[in-house]
Amino acid sequence: MRSLSETPMPTPTMTVAPEAVTPGFVGFAVIVVIVIAVILLIWDMNRRIRRVRYREEVRDELDAEEAARAADEATETDADLPITREGDDDPRAT
């Protein structure tokens, strides 16, 4: 047991200069360009999604207005019809 604790551990040594493996200015510039592109893409996506939502809301409003107009026309035409009683064949015949 004692022999394991007495064995020296090798210390790692640098074989490459630290400046040679860093991204430097070019790496920084590439990351900045990617971040700006992602921000612009997210902004554009939000605009497009918002536009689709507004179009859907307008379409729903138009459909509701059309349904209300059709219901009003149906009640108006129903009010113009004469009331028929049981046994009457043709209400206009009288």
C-alpha atoms as a PDB file:
ATOM      1  CA  MET A   1       0.000   0.000   0.000  1.00  0.00           C
ATOM      2  CA  ARG A   2       2.766   2.328   0.811  1.00  0.00           C
ATOM      3  CA  SER A   3       4.362   1.949  -2.597  1.00  0.00           C
ATOM      4  CA  LEU A   4       1.271   3.371  -4.341  1.00  0.00           C
ATOM      5  CA  SER A   5       1.285   6.558  -2.325  1.00  0.00           C
ATOM      6  CA  GLU A   6       4.992   7.127  -2.898  1.00  0.00           C
ATOM      7  CA  THR A   7       4.864   6.898  -6.691  1.00  0.00           C
ATOM      8  CA  PRO A   8       5.029  10.369  -8.123  1.00  0.00           C
ATOM      9  CA  MET A   9       2.200  11.469 -10.427  1.00  0.00           C
ATOM     10  CA  PRO A  10       3.340  12.830 -13.761  1.00  0.00           C
ATOM     11  CA  THR A  11       2.495  16.494 -14.286  1.00  0.00           C
ATOM     12  CA  PRO A  12       1.048  17.412 -17.669  1.00  0.00           C
ATOM     13  CA  THR A  13       3.140  19.769 -19.714  1.00  0.00           C
ATOM     14  CA  MET A  14       1.941  22.053 -22.483  1.00  0.00           C
ATOM     15  CA  THR A  15       3.124  20.879 -25.870  1.00  0.00           C
ATOM     16  CA  VAL A  16       1.322  23.598 -27.841  1.00  0.00           C
ATOM     17  CA  ALA A  17       1.368  27.321 -27.224  1.00  0.00           C
ATOM     18  CA  PRO A  18      -1.982  28.523 -25.744  1.00  0.00           C
ATOM     19  CA  GLU A  19      -2.201  31.340 -28.318  1.00  0.00           C
ATOM     20  CA  ALA A  20      -2.183  28.818 -31.159  1.00  0.00           C
ATOM     21  CA  VAL A  21      -5.355  27.036 -30.011  1.00  0.00           C
ATOM     22  CA  THR A  22      -7.554  30.036 -29.112  1.00  0.00           C
ATOM     23  CA  PRO A  23     -10.166  31.218 -31.611  1.00  0.00           C
ATOM     24  CA  GLY A  24      -8.871  34.780 -31.585  1.00  0.00           C
ATOM     25  CA  PHE A  25     -10.601  37.664 -33.315  1.00  0.00           C
ATOM     26  CA  VAL A  26     -11.891  35.569 -36.230  1.00  0.00           C
ATOM     27  CA  GLY A  27     -13.680  33.175 -33.884  1.00  0.00           C
ATOM     28  CA  PHE A  28     -15.176  36.072 -31.948  1.00  0.00           C
ATOM     29  CA  ALA A  29     -16.370  37.737 -35.167  1.00  0.00           C
ATOM     30  CA  VAL A  30     -17.980  34.496 -36.387  1.00  0.00           C
ATOM     31  CA  ILE A  31     -19.840  34.044 -33.099  1.00  0.00           C
ATOM     32  CA  VAL A  32     -21.071  37.662 -33.194  1.00  0.00           C
ATOM     33  CA  VAL A  33     -22.340  37.202 -36.764  1.00  0.00           C
ATOM     34  CA  ILE A  34     -24.146  33.980 -35.793  1.00  0.00           C
ATOM     35  CA  VAL A  35     -25.760  35.663 -32.763  1.00  0.00           C
ATOM     36  CA  ILE A  36     -26.940  38.610 -34.880  1.00  0.00           C
ATOM     37  CA  ALA A  37     -28.337  36.222 -37.530  1.00  0.00           C
ATOM     38  CA  VAL A  38     -30.232  34.222 -34.885  1.00  0.00           C
ATOM     39  CA  ILE A  39     -31.697  37.406 -33.360  1.00  0.00           C
ATOM     40  CA  LEU A  40     -32.854  38.611 -36.786  1.00  0.00           C
ATOM     41  CA  LEU A  41     -34.376  35.218 -37.603  1.00  0.00           C
ATOM     42  CA  ILE A  42     -36.292  35.145 -34.310  1.00  0.00           C
ATOM     43  CA  TRP A  43     -37.536  38.686 -34.905  1.00  0.00           C
ATOM     44  CA  ASP A  44     -38.725  37.806 -38.428  1.00  0.00           C
ATOM     45  CA  MET A  45     -40.391  34.601 -37.190  1.00  0.00           C
ATOM     46  CA  ASN A  46     -42.307  36.549 -34.520  1.00  0.00           C
ATOM     47  CA  ARG A  47     -43.512  39.051 -37.141  1.00  0.00           C
ATOM     48  CA  ARG A  48     -44.733  36.266 -39.414  1.00  0.00           C
ATOM     49  CA  ILE A  49     -46.517  34.425 -36.597  1.00  0.00           C
ATOM     50  CA  ARG A  50     -48.165  37.664 -35.469  1.00  0.00           C
ATOM     51  CA  ARG A  51     -49.341  38.315 -39.049  1.00  0.00           C
ATOM     52  CA  VAL A  52     -50.853  34.835 -39.293  1.00  0.00           C
ATOM     53  CA  ARG A  53     -52.691  35.359 -35.984  1.00  0.00           C
ATOM     54  CA  TYR A  54     -54.079  38.721 -37.117  1.00  0.00           C
ATOM     55  CA  ARG A  55     -55.246  37.232 -40.417  1.00  0.00           C
ATOM     56  CA  GLU A  56     -56.992  34.426 -38.537  1.00  0.00           C
ATOM     57  CA  GLU A  57     -58.697  36.918 -36.199  1.00  0.00           C
ATOM     58  CA  VAL A  58     -59.886  39.023 -39.134  1.00  0.00           C
ATOM     59  CA  ARG A  59     -61.109  35.911 -40.944  1.00  0.00           C
ATOM     60  CA  ASP A  60     -63.038  34.837 -37.822  1.00  0.00           C
ATOM     61  CA  GLU A  61     -64.585  38.305 -37.488  1.00  0.00           C
ATOM     62  CA  LEU A  62     -65.642  38.301 -41.142  1.00  0.00           C
ATOM     63  CA  ASP A  63     -67.151  34.831 -40.764  1.00  0.00           C
ATOM     64  CA  ALA A  64     -69.063  35.961 -37.668  1.00  0.00           C
ATOM     65  CA  GLU A  65     -70.356  39.055 -39.484  1.00  0.00           C
ATOM     66  CA  GLU A  66     -71.409  36.965 -42.464  1.00  0.00           C
ATOM     67  CA  ALA A  67     -73.202  34.474 -40.203  1.00  0.00           C
ATOM     68  CA  ALA A  68     -74.979  37.330 -38.392  1.00  0.00           C
ATOM     69  CA  ARG A  69     -76.002  38.887 -41.703  1.00  0.00           C
ATOM     70  CA  ALA A  70     -77.298  35.537 -42.957  1.00  0.00           C
ATOM     71  CA  ALA A  71     -79.255  35.047 -39.735  1.00  0.00           C
ATOM     72  CA  ASP A  72     -80.769  38.552 -40.062  1.00  0.00           C
ATOM     73  CA  GLU A  73     -81.760  37.879 -43.668  1.00  0.00           C
ATOM     74  CA  ALA A  74     -83.283  34.544 -42.665  1.00  0.00           C
ATOM     75  CA  THR A  75     -85.404  36.165 -39.959  1.00  0.00           C
ATOM     76  CA  GLU A  76     -86.477  38.945 -42.337  1.00  0.00           C
ATOM     77  CA  THR A  77     -87.562  36.496 -45.025  1.00  0.00           C
ATOM     78  CA  ASP A  78     -89.326  34.344 -42.413  1.00  0.00           C
ATOM     79  CA  ALA A  79     -91.284  37.405 -41.237  1.00  0.00           C
ATOM     80  CA  ASP A  80     -92.465  38.089 -44.820  1.00  0.00           C
ATOM     81  CA  LEU A  81     -93.980  34.620 -45.209  1.00  0.00           C
ATOM     82  CA  PRO A  82     -97.678  34.300 -44.487  1.00  0.00           C
ATOM     83  CA  ILE A  83     -98.786  32.157 -41.597  1.00  0.00           C
ATOM     84  CA  THR A  84    -100.384  28.925 -42.723  1.00  0.00           C
ATOM     85  CA  ARG A  85    -102.956  27.100 -40.698  1.00  0.00           C
ATOM     86  CA  GLU A  86    -103.506  23.448 -40.601  1.00  0.00           C
ATOM     87  CA  GLY A  87    -105.693  22.364 -43.446  1.00  0.00           C
ATOM     88  CA  ASP A  88    -104.841  25.329 -45.692  1.00  0.00           C
ATOM     89  CA  ASP A  89    -103.318  24.158 -48.928  1.00  0.00           C
ATOM     90  CA  ASP A  90    -102.299  27.490 -50.359  1.00  0.00           C
ATOM     91  CA  PRO A  91    -102.297  30.595 -48.184  1.00  0.00           C
ATOM     92  CA  ARG A  92    -102.243  32.882 -51.269  1.00  0.00           C
ATOM     93  CA  ALA A  93    -105.407  31.378 -52.674  1.00  0.00           C
ATOM     94  CA  THR A  94    -107.746  33.365 -50.437  1.00  0.00           C
END
